[in-house]
Amino acid sequence: MNWLSLAFFLLMPTVSNAEHQNDNHFSKDHCAEIYKGIQFLLSEADKHWELLNENTEGSKQFIEDAMRIQWLADVAGNYSTVYRTFCSEN
């Protein structure tokens, strides 16, 4: 539920802004929010990377941390693409 809420809050500015834009670019405020979201996702991935190193490879906690890192990095990468595409002039 926590990850679903995070995804909802990160996507909401993107969806609401896209409905009102005619020039295919986001406002500076929306771009700043996306950038902060990317930073948050990467900092969370770093935290789990540190936890990953503390656990035995193959353990349940190791696998869970590895899956979280992969998900966080994928989402951050997707938002980076959105940022480059729609915030390039801001």
PDB file of N, CA and C in Angstrom:
ATOM      1  N   MET A   1       0.823  -1.191   0.000  1.00  0.00           N
ATOM      2  CA  MET A   1       0.000   0.000   0.000  1.00  0.00           C
ATOM      3  C   MET A   1       0.869   1.258   0.000  1.00  0.00           C
ATOM      4  N   ASN A   2       1.990   1.206   0.723  1.00  0.00           N
ATOM      5  CA  ASN A   2       2.880   2.357   0.820  1.00  0.00           C
ATOM      6  C   ASN A   2       3.456   2.714  -0.556  1.00  0.00           C
ATOM      7  N   TRP A   3       3.876   1.700  -1.332  1.00  0.00           N
ATOM      8  CA  TRP A   3       4.454   1.956  -2.652  1.00  0.00           C
ATOM      9  C   TRP A   3       3.385   2.469  -3.610  1.00  0.00           C
ATOM     10  N   LEU A   4       2.169   1.958  -3.466  1.00  0.00           N
ATOM     11  CA  LEU A   4       1.080   2.404  -4.316  1.00  0.00           C
ATOM     12  C   LEU A   4       0.765   3.875  -4.057  1.00  0.00           C
ATOM     13  N   SER A   5       0.767   4.262  -2.800  1.00  0.00           N
ATOM     14  CA  SER A   5       0.525   5.663  -2.453  1.00  0.00           C
ATOM     15  C   SER A   5       1.619   6.558  -3.005  1.00  0.00           C
ATOM     16  N   LEU A   6       2.874   6.112  -2.891  1.00  0.00           N
ATOM     17  CA  LEU A   6       4.002   6.886  -3.409  1.00  0.00           C
ATOM     18  C   LEU A   6       3.871   7.076  -4.916  1.00  0.00           C
ATOM     19  N   ALA A   7       3.563   6.002  -5.621  1.00  0.00           N
ATOM     20  CA  ALA A   7       3.411   6.092  -7.075  1.00  0.00           C
ATOM     21  C   ALA A   7       2.270   7.040  -7.446  1.00  0.00           C
ATOM     22  N   PHE A   8       1.169   6.977  -6.704  1.00  0.00           N
ATOM     23  CA  PHE A   8       0.037   7.859  -6.979  1.00  0.00           C
ATOM     24  C   PHE A   8       0.437   9.323  -6.834  1.00  0.00           C
ATOM     25  N   PHE A   9       1.130   9.653  -5.752  1.00  0.00           N
ATOM     26  CA  PHE A   9       1.508  11.042  -5.512  1.00  0.00           C
ATOM     27  C   PHE A   9       2.558  11.528  -6.500  1.00  0.00           C
ATOM     28  N   LEU A  10       3.419  10.635  -6.965  1.00  0.00           N
ATOM     29  CA  LEU A  10       4.410  11.037  -7.952  1.00  0.00           C
ATOM     30  C   LEU A  10       3.798  11.219  -9.335  1.00  0.00           C
ATOM     31  N   LEU A  11       2.783  10.427  -9.651  1.00  0.00           N
ATOM     32  CA  LEU A  11       2.162  10.520 -10.959  1.00  0.00           C
ATOM     33  C   LEU A  11       1.142  11.642 -11.059  1.00  0.00           C
ATOM     34  N   MET A  12       0.535  12.026  -9.966  1.00  0.00           N
ATOM     35  CA  MET A  12      -0.549  13.003  -9.996  1.00  0.00           C
ATOM     36  C   MET A  12      -0.136  14.330 -10.649  1.00  0.00           C
ATOM     37  N   PRO A  13       1.003  14.941 -10.306  1.00  0.00           N
ATOM     38  CA  PRO A  13       1.348  16.202 -10.987  1.00  0.00           C
ATOM     39  C   PRO A  13       1.543  16.011 -12.488  1.00  0.00           C
ATOM     40  N   THR A  14       2.058  14.867 -12.888  1.00  0.00           N
ATOM     41  CA  THR A  14       2.288  14.591 -14.303  1.00  0.00           C
ATOM     42  C   THR A  14       0.971  14.504 -15.048  1.00  0.00           C
ATOM     43  N   VAL A  15       0.024  13.781 -14.499  1.00  0.00           N
ATOM     44  CA  VAL A  15      -1.268  13.598 -15.153  1.00  0.00           C
ATOM     45  C   VAL A  15      -2.045  14.910 -15.187  1.00  0.00           C
ATOM     46  N   SER A  16      -2.132  15.599 -14.061  1.00  0.00           N
ATOM     47  CA  SER A  16      -2.914  16.830 -14.021  1.00  0.00           C
ATOM     48  C   SER A  16      -2.292  17.915 -14.884  1.00  0.00           C
ATOM     49  N   ASN A  17      -0.985  17.968 -14.942  1.00  0.00           N
ATOM     50  CA  ASN A  17      -0.326  18.985 -15.754  1.00  0.00           C
ATOM     51  C   ASN A  17      -0.480  18.695 -17.244  1.00  0.00           C
ATOM     52  N   ALA A  18      -0.453  17.437 -17.628  1.00  0.00           N
ATOM     53  CA  ALA A  18      -0.543  17.075 -19.040  1.00  0.00           C
ATOM     54  C   ALA A  18      -1.892  17.462 -19.627  1.00  0.00           C
ATOM     55  N   GLU A  19      -2.915  17.489 -18.821  1.00  0.00           N
ATOM     56  CA  GLU A  19      -4.239  17.849 -19.316  1.00  0.00           C
ATOM     57  C   GLU A  19      -4.343  19.322 -19.694  1.00  0.00           C
ATOM     58  N   HIS A  20      -3.514  20.163 -19.104  1.00  0.00           N
ATOM     59  CA  HIS A  20      -3.653  21.603 -19.272  1.00  0.00           C
ATOM     60  C   HIS A  20      -2.541  22.245 -20.097  1.00  0.00           C
ATOM     61  N   GLN A  21      -1.664  21.454 -20.631  1.00  0.00           N
ATOM     62  CA  GLN A  21      -0.545  22.003 -21.389  1.00  0.00           C
ATOM     63  C   GLN A  21      -0.796  21.891 -22.881  1.00  0.00           C
ATOM     64  N   ASN A  22      -0.498  22.955 -23.587  1.00  0.00           N
ATOM     65  CA  ASN A  22      -0.629  22.944 -25.038  1.00  0.00           C
ATOM     66  C   ASN A  22       0.732  22.889 -25.726  1.00  0.00           C
ATOM     67  N   ASP A  23       1.794  23.245 -25.008  1.00  0.00           N
ATOM     68  CA  ASP A  23       3.111  23.329 -25.620  1.00  0.00           C
ATOM     69  C   ASP A  23       3.990  22.118 -25.340  1.00  0.00           C
ATOM     70  N   ASN A  24       3.436  21.065 -24.766  1.00  0.00           N
ATOM     71  CA  ASN A  24       4.152  19.815 -24.482  1.00  0.00           C
ATOM     72  C   ASN A  24       5.313  19.990 -23.511  1.00  0.00           C
ATOM     73  N   HIS A  25       5.267  21.021 -22.679  1.00  0.00           N
ATOM     74  CA  HIS A  25       6.267  21.196 -21.639  1.00  0.00           C
ATOM     75  C   HIS A  25       5.562  21.472 -20.316  1.00  0.00           C
ATOM     76  N   PHE A  26       6.179  21.016 -19.238  1.00  0.00           N
ATOM     77  CA  PHE A  26       5.613  21.220 -17.907  1.00  0.00           C
ATOM     78  C   PHE A  26       6.101  22.549 -17.341  1.00  0.00           C
ATOM     79  N   SER A  27       5.369  23.049 -16.358  1.00  0.00           N
ATOM     80  CA  SER A  27       5.775  24.288 -15.701  1.00  0.00           C
ATOM     81  C   SER A  27       7.028  24.030 -14.860  1.00  0.00           C
ATOM     82  N   LYS A  28       7.688  25.110 -14.486  1.00  0.00           N
ATOM     83  CA  LYS A  28       8.888  24.976 -13.654  1.00  0.00           C
ATOM     84  C   LYS A  28       8.564  24.311 -12.321  1.00  0.00           C
ATOM     85  N   ASP A  29       7.398  24.615 -11.769  1.00  0.00           N
ATOM     86  CA  ASP A  29       7.001  24.003 -10.491  1.00  0.00           C
ATOM     87  C   ASP A  29       6.825  22.496 -10.630  1.00  0.00           C
ATOM     88  N   HIS A  30       6.158  22.078 -11.698  1.00  0.00           N
ATOM     89  CA  HIS A  30       5.967  20.647 -11.907  1.00  0.00           C
ATOM     90  C   HIS A  30       7.299  19.948 -12.181  1.00  0.00           C
ATOM     91  N   CYS A  31       8.164  20.599 -12.924  1.00  0.00           N
ATOM     92  CA  CYS A  31       9.488  20.020 -13.191  1.00  0.00           C
ATOM     93  C   CYS A  31      10.293  19.890 -11.898  1.00  0.00           C
ATOM     94  N   ALA A  32      10.177  20.879 -11.028  1.00  0.00           N
ATOM     95  CA  ALA A  32      10.873  20.809  -9.745  1.00  0.00           C
ATOM     96  C   ALA A  32      10.337  19.658  -8.903  1.00  0.00           C
ATOM     97  N   GLU A  33       9.017  19.429  -8.934  1.00  0.00           N
ATOM     98  CA  GLU A  33       8.424  18.315  -8.192  1.00  0.00           C
ATOM     99  C   GLU A  33       8.897  16.977  -8.745  1.00  0.00           C
ATOM    100  N   ILE A  34       8.961  16.866 -10.057  1.00  0.00           N
ATOM    101  CA  ILE A  34       9.442  15.624 -10.668  1.00  0.00           C
ATOM    102  C   ILE A  34      10.895  15.390 -10.281  1.00  0.00           C
ATOM    103  N   TYR A  35      11.710  16.433 -10.326  1.00  0.00           N
ATOM    104  CA  TYR A  35      13.123  16.322  -9.969  1.00  0.00           C
ATOM    105  C   TYR A  35      13.284  15.874  -8.515  1.00  0.00           C
ATOM    106  N   LYS A  36      12.497  16.463  -7.615  1.00  0.00           N
ATOM    107  CA  LYS A  36      12.543  16.059  -6.210  1.00  0.00           C
ATOM    108  C   LYS A  36      12.116  14.606  -6.049  1.00  0.00           C
ATOM    109  N   GLY A  37      11.126  14.185  -6.824  1.00  0.00           N
ATOM    110  CA  GLY A  37      10.687  12.790  -6.788  1.00  0.00           C
ATOM    111  C   GLY A  37      11.785  11.840  -7.224  1.00  0.00           C
ATOM    112  N   ILE A  38      12.516  12.219  -8.265  1.00  0.00           N
ATOM    113  CA  ILE A  38      13.635  11.397  -8.743  1.00  0.00           C
ATOM    114  C   ILE A  38      14.703  11.296  -7.658  1.00  0.00           C
ATOM    115  N   GLN A  39      15.014  12.431  -7.033  1.00  0.00           N
ATOM    116  CA  GLN A  39      16.004  12.424  -5.955  1.00  0.00           C
ATOM    117  C   GLN A  39      15.554  11.528  -4.804  1.00  0.00           C
ATOM    118  N   PHE A  40      14.285  11.602  -4.441  1.00  0.00           N
ATOM    119  CA  PHE A  40      13.761  10.772  -3.366  1.00  0.00           C
ATOM    120  C   PHE A  40      13.886   9.289  -3.711  1.00  0.00           C
ATOM    121  N   LEU A  41      13.480   8.925  -4.910  1.00  0.00           N
ATOM    122  CA  LEU A  41      13.549   7.525  -5.318  1.00  0.00           C
ATOM    123  C   LEU A  41      14.984   7.005  -5.280  1.00  0.00           C
ATOM    124  N   LEU A  42      15.922   7.806  -5.763  1.00  0.00           N
ATOM    125  CA  LEU A  42      17.323   7.378  -5.760  1.00  0.00           C
ATOM    126  C   LEU A  42      17.898   7.314  -4.352  1.00  0.00           C
ATOM    127  N   SER A  43      17.479   8.220  -3.473  1.00  0.00           N
ATOM    128  CA  SER A  43      17.966   8.153  -2.085  1.00  0.00           C
ATOM    129  C   SER A  43      17.412   6.915  -1.383  1.00  0.00           C
ATOM    130  N   GLU A  44      16.156   6.555  -1.685  1.00  0.00           N
ATOM    131  CA  GLU A  44      15.587   5.326  -1.122  1.00  0.00           C
ATOM    132  C   GLU A  44      16.331   4.099  -1.646  1.00  0.00           C
ATOM    133  N   ALA A  45      16.690   4.115  -2.925  1.00  0.00           N
ATOM    134  CA  ALA A  45      17.456   3.000  -3.492  1.00  0.00           C
ATOM    135  C   ALA A  45      18.812   2.888  -2.798  1.00  0.00           C
ATOM    136  N   ASP A  46      19.452   4.022  -2.517  1.00  0.00           N
ATOM    137  CA  ASP A  46      20.734   4.009  -1.802  1.00  0.00           C
ATOM    138  C   ASP A  46      20.598   3.407  -0.411  1.00  0.00           C
ATOM    139  N   LYS A  47      19.511   3.742   0.289  1.00  0.00           N
ATOM    140  CA  LYS A  47      19.283   3.183   1.625  1.00  0.00           C
ATOM    141  C   LYS A  47      19.158   1.667   1.558  1.00  0.00           C
ATOM    142  N   HIS A  48      18.415   1.191   0.576  1.00  0.00           N
ATOM    143  CA  HIS A  48      18.248  -0.257   0.448  1.00  0.00           C
ATOM    144  C   HIS A  48      19.530  -0.928  -0.033  1.00  0.00           C
ATOM    145  N   TRP A  49      20.348  -0.200  -0.765  1.00  0.00           N
ATOM    146  CA  TRP A  49      21.637  -0.750  -1.192  1.00  0.00           C
ATOM    147  C   TRP A  49      22.523  -0.994   0.029  1.00  0.00           C
ATOM    148  N   GLU A  50      22.509  -0.037   0.956  1.00  0.00           N
ATOM    149  CA  GLU A  50      23.275  -0.217   2.194  1.00  0.00           C
ATOM    150  C   GLU A  50      22.747  -1.399   2.994  1.00  0.00           C
ATOM    151  N   LEU A  51      21.415  -1.541   3.070  1.00  0.00           N
ATOM    152  CA  LEU A  51      20.814  -2.682   3.761  1.00  0.00           C
ATOM    153  C   LEU A  51      21.146  -3.993   3.055  1.00  0.00           C
ATOM    154  N   LEU A  52      21.223  -3.952   1.743  1.00  0.00           N
ATOM    155  CA  LEU A  52      21.541  -5.136   0.965  1.00  0.00           C
ATOM    156  C   LEU A  52      22.905  -5.686   1.358  1.00  0.00           C
ATOM    157  N   ASN A  53      23.860  -4.789   1.548  1.00  0.00           N
ATOM    158  CA  ASN A  53      25.213  -5.204   1.908  1.00  0.00           C
ATOM    159  C   ASN A  53      25.310  -5.786   3.312  1.00  0.00           C
ATOM    160  N   GLU A  54      24.301  -5.517   4.149  1.00  0.00           N
ATOM    161  CA  GLU A  54      24.309  -6.026   5.518  1.00  0.00           C
ATOM    162  C   GLU A  54      23.709  -7.427   5.634  1.00  0.00           C
ATOM    163  N   ASN A  55      23.049  -7.894   4.583  1.00  0.00           N
ATOM    164  CA  ASN A  55      22.358  -9.179   4.635  1.00  0.00           C
ATOM    165  C   ASN A  55      23.103 -10.236   3.826  1.00  0.00           C
ATOM    166  N   THR A  56      22.889 -11.473   4.210  1.00  0.00           N
ATOM    167  CA  THR A  56      23.495 -12.596   3.518  1.00  0.00           C
ATOM    168  C   THR A  56      22.849 -12.759   2.148  1.00  0.00           C
ATOM    169  N   GLU A  57      23.693 -12.941   1.134  1.00  0.00           N
ATOM    170  CA  GLU A  57      23.172 -13.102  -0.217  1.00  0.00           C
ATOM    171  C   GLU A  57      22.256 -14.322  -0.283  1.00  0.00           C
ATOM    172  N   GLY A  58      21.090 -14.128  -0.869  1.00  0.00           N
ATOM    173  CA  GLY A  58      20.121 -15.209  -0.999  1.00  0.00           C
ATOM    174  C   GLY A  58      19.099 -15.258   0.121  1.00  0.00           C
ATOM    175  N   SER A  59      19.324 -14.485   1.190  1.00  0.00           N
ATOM    176  CA  SER A  59      18.362 -14.469   2.291  1.00  0.00           C
ATOM    177  C   SER A  59      17.102 -13.724   1.844  1.00  0.00           C
ATOM    178  N   LYS A  60      16.022 -13.936   2.593  1.00  0.00           N
ATOM    179  CA  LYS A  60      14.756 -13.290   2.251  1.00  0.00           C
ATOM    180  C   LYS A  60      14.903 -11.775   2.242  1.00  0.00           C
ATOM    181  N   GLN A  61      15.562 -11.206   3.245  1.00  0.00           N
ATOM    182  CA  GLN A  61      15.732  -9.753   3.319  1.00  0.00           C
ATOM    183  C   GLN A  61      16.602  -9.242   2.179  1.00  0.00           C
ATOM    184  N   PHE A  62      17.629 -10.003   1.802  1.00  0.00           N
ATOM    185  CA  PHE A  62      18.498  -9.628   0.687  1.00  0.00           C
ATOM    186  C   PHE A  62      17.683  -9.532  -0.606  1.00  0.00           C
ATOM    187  N   ILE A  63      16.855 -10.537  -0.843  1.00  0.00           N
ATOM    188  CA  ILE A  63      16.039 -10.568  -2.057  1.00  0.00           C
ATOM    189  C   ILE A  63      15.031  -9.423  -2.063  1.00  0.00           C
ATOM    190  N   GLU A  64      14.391  -9.156  -0.918  1.00  0.00           N
ATOM    191  CA  GLU A  64      13.434  -8.053  -0.838  1.00  0.00           C
ATOM    192  C   GLU A  64      14.105  -6.711  -1.106  1.00  0.00           C
ATOM    193  N   ASP A  65      15.288  -6.503  -0.517  1.00  0.00           N
ATOM    194  CA  ASP A  65      16.005  -5.244  -0.752  1.00  0.00           C
ATOM    195  C   ASP A  65      16.429  -5.116  -2.212  1.00  0.00           C
ATOM    196  N   ALA A  66      16.871  -6.217  -2.805  1.00  0.00           N
ATOM    197  CA  ALA A  66      17.277  -6.196  -4.213  1.00  0.00           C
ATOM    198  C   ALA A  66      16.083  -5.853  -5.113  1.00  0.00           C
ATOM    199  N   MET A  67      14.917  -6.410  -4.798  1.00  0.00           N
ATOM    200  CA  MET A  67      13.717  -6.111  -5.588  1.00  0.00           C
ATOM    201  C   MET A  67      13.305  -4.649  -5.430  1.00  0.00           C
ATOM    202  N   ARG A  68      13.430  -4.119  -4.214  1.00  0.00           N
ATOM    203  CA  ARG A  68      13.097  -2.699  -3.990  1.00  0.00           C
ATOM    204  C   ARG A  68      14.048  -1.798  -4.756  1.00  0.00           C
ATOM    205  N   ILE A  69      15.329  -2.131  -4.730  1.00  0.00           N
ATOM    206  CA  ILE A  69      16.318  -1.340  -5.460  1.00  0.00           C
ATOM    207  C   ILE A  69      15.987  -1.329  -6.945  1.00  0.00           C
ATOM    208  N   GLN A  70      15.660  -2.492  -7.486  1.00  0.00           N
ATOM    209  CA  GLN A  70      15.332  -2.580  -8.904  1.00  0.00           C
ATOM    210  C   GLN A  70      14.102  -1.744  -9.229  1.00  0.00           C
ATOM    211  N   TRP A  71      13.054  -1.846  -8.404  1.00  0.00           N
ATOM    212  CA  TRP A  71      11.835  -1.084  -8.650  1.00  0.00           C
ATOM    213  C   TRP A  71      12.104   0.419  -8.559  1.00  0.00           C
ATOM    214  N   LEU A  72      12.818   0.840  -7.517  1.00  0.00           N
ATOM    215  CA  LEU A  72      13.104   2.260  -7.329  1.00  0.00           C
ATOM    216  C   LEU A  72      13.943   2.813  -8.483  1.00  0.00           C
ATOM    217  N   ALA A  73      14.942   2.051  -8.910  1.00  0.00           N
ATOM    218  CA  ALA A  73      15.792   2.500 -10.010  1.00  0.00           C
ATOM    219  C   ALA A  73      15.006   2.574 -11.319  1.00  0.00           C
ATOM    220  N   ASP A  74      14.135   1.599 -11.558  1.00  0.00           N
ATOM    221  CA  ASP A  74      13.308   1.625 -12.769  1.00  0.00           C
ATOM    222  C   ASP A  74      12.382   2.832 -12.792  1.00  0.00           C
ATOM    223  N   VAL A  75      11.717   3.090 -11.676  1.00  0.00           N
ATOM    224  CA  VAL A  75      10.791   4.229 -11.621  1.00  0.00           C
ATOM    225  C   VAL A  75      11.562   5.544 -11.754  1.00  0.00           C
ATOM    226  N   ALA A  76      12.705   5.645 -11.091  1.00  0.00           N
ATOM    227  CA  ALA A  76      13.525   6.859 -11.209  1.00  0.00           C
ATOM    228  C   ALA A  76      13.968   7.060 -12.656  1.00  0.00           C
ATOM    229  N   GLY A  77      14.327   5.974 -13.331  1.00  0.00           N
ATOM    230  CA  GLY A  77      14.714   6.059 -14.741  1.00  0.00           C
ATOM    231  C   GLY A  77      13.571   6.529 -15.613  1.00  0.00           C
ATOM    232  N   ASN A  78      12.371   6.019 -15.344  1.00  0.00           N
ATOM    233  CA  ASN A  78      11.204   6.441 -16.112  1.00  0.00           C
ATOM    234  C   ASN A  78      10.912   7.922 -15.902  1.00  0.00           C
ATOM    235  N   TYR A  79      11.000   8.371 -14.659  1.00  0.00           N
ATOM    236  CA  TYR A  79      10.763   9.790 -14.385  1.00  0.00           C
ATOM    237  C   TYR A  79      11.873  10.666 -14.962  1.00  0.00           C
ATOM    238  N   SER A  80      13.084  10.139 -15.038  1.00  0.00           N
ATOM    239  CA  SER A  80      14.170  10.891 -15.660  1.00  0.00           C
ATOM    240  C   SER A  80      13.884  11.118 -17.139  1.00  0.00           C
ATOM    241  N   THR A  81      13.302  10.124 -17.782  1.00  0.00           N
ATOM    242  CA  THR A  81      12.920  10.267 -19.186  1.00  0.00           C
ATOM    243  C   THR A  81      11.829  11.327 -19.339  1.00  0.00           C
ATOM    244  N   VAL A  82      10.853  11.293 -18.462  1.00  0.00           N
ATOM    245  CA  VAL A  82       9.795  12.308 -18.489  1.00  0.00           C
ATOM    246  C   VAL A  82      10.397  13.686 -18.264  1.00  0.00           C
ATOM    247  N   TYR A  83      11.309  13.797 -17.295  1.00  0.00           N
ATOM    248  CA  TYR A  83      11.939  15.081 -16.989  1.00  0.00           C
ATOM    249  C   TYR A  83      12.708  15.607 -18.200  1.00  0.00           C
ATOM    250  N   ARG A  84      13.516  14.736 -18.827  1.00  0.00           N
ATOM    251  CA  ARG A  84      14.286  15.169 -20.004  1.00  0.00           C
ATOM    252  C   ARG A  84      13.377  15.577 -21.146  1.00  0.00           C
ATOM    253  N   THR A  85      12.261  14.876 -21.297  1.00  0.00           N
ATOM    254  CA  THR A  85      11.365  15.145 -22.415  1.00  0.00           C
ATOM    255  C   THR A  85      10.545  16.410 -22.225  1.00  0.00           C
ATOM    256  N   PHE A  86       9.978  16.591 -21.051  1.00  0.00           N
ATOM    257  CA  PHE A  86       9.021  17.672 -20.845  1.00  0.00           C
ATOM    258  C   PHE A  86       9.556  18.851 -20.049  1.00  0.00           C
ATOM    259  N   CYS A  87      10.754  18.744 -19.532  1.00  0.00           N
ATOM    260  CA  CYS A  87      11.312  19.840 -18.733  1.00  0.00           C
ATOM    261  C   CYS A  87      12.614  20.364 -19.325  1.00  0.00           C
ATOM    262  N   SER A  88      12.911  20.030 -20.545  1.00  0.00           N
ATOM    263  CA  SER A  88      14.198  20.395 -21.153  1.00  0.00           C
ATOM    264  C   SER A  88      14.383  21.899 -21.282  1.00  0.00           C
ATOM    265  N   GLU A  89      13.297  22.653 -21.434  1.00  0.00           N
ATOM    266  CA  GLU A  89      13.417  24.105 -21.607  1.00  0.00           C
ATOM    267  C   GLU A  89      13.211  24.862 -20.321  1.00  0.00           C
ATOM    268  N   ASN A  90      12.905  24.174 -19.215  1.00  0.00           N
ATOM    269  CA  ASN A  90      12.643  24.863 -17.927  1.00  0.00           C
ATOM    270  C   ASN A  90      13.891  24.966 -17.111  1.00  0.00           C
TER     271      ASN A  90
END
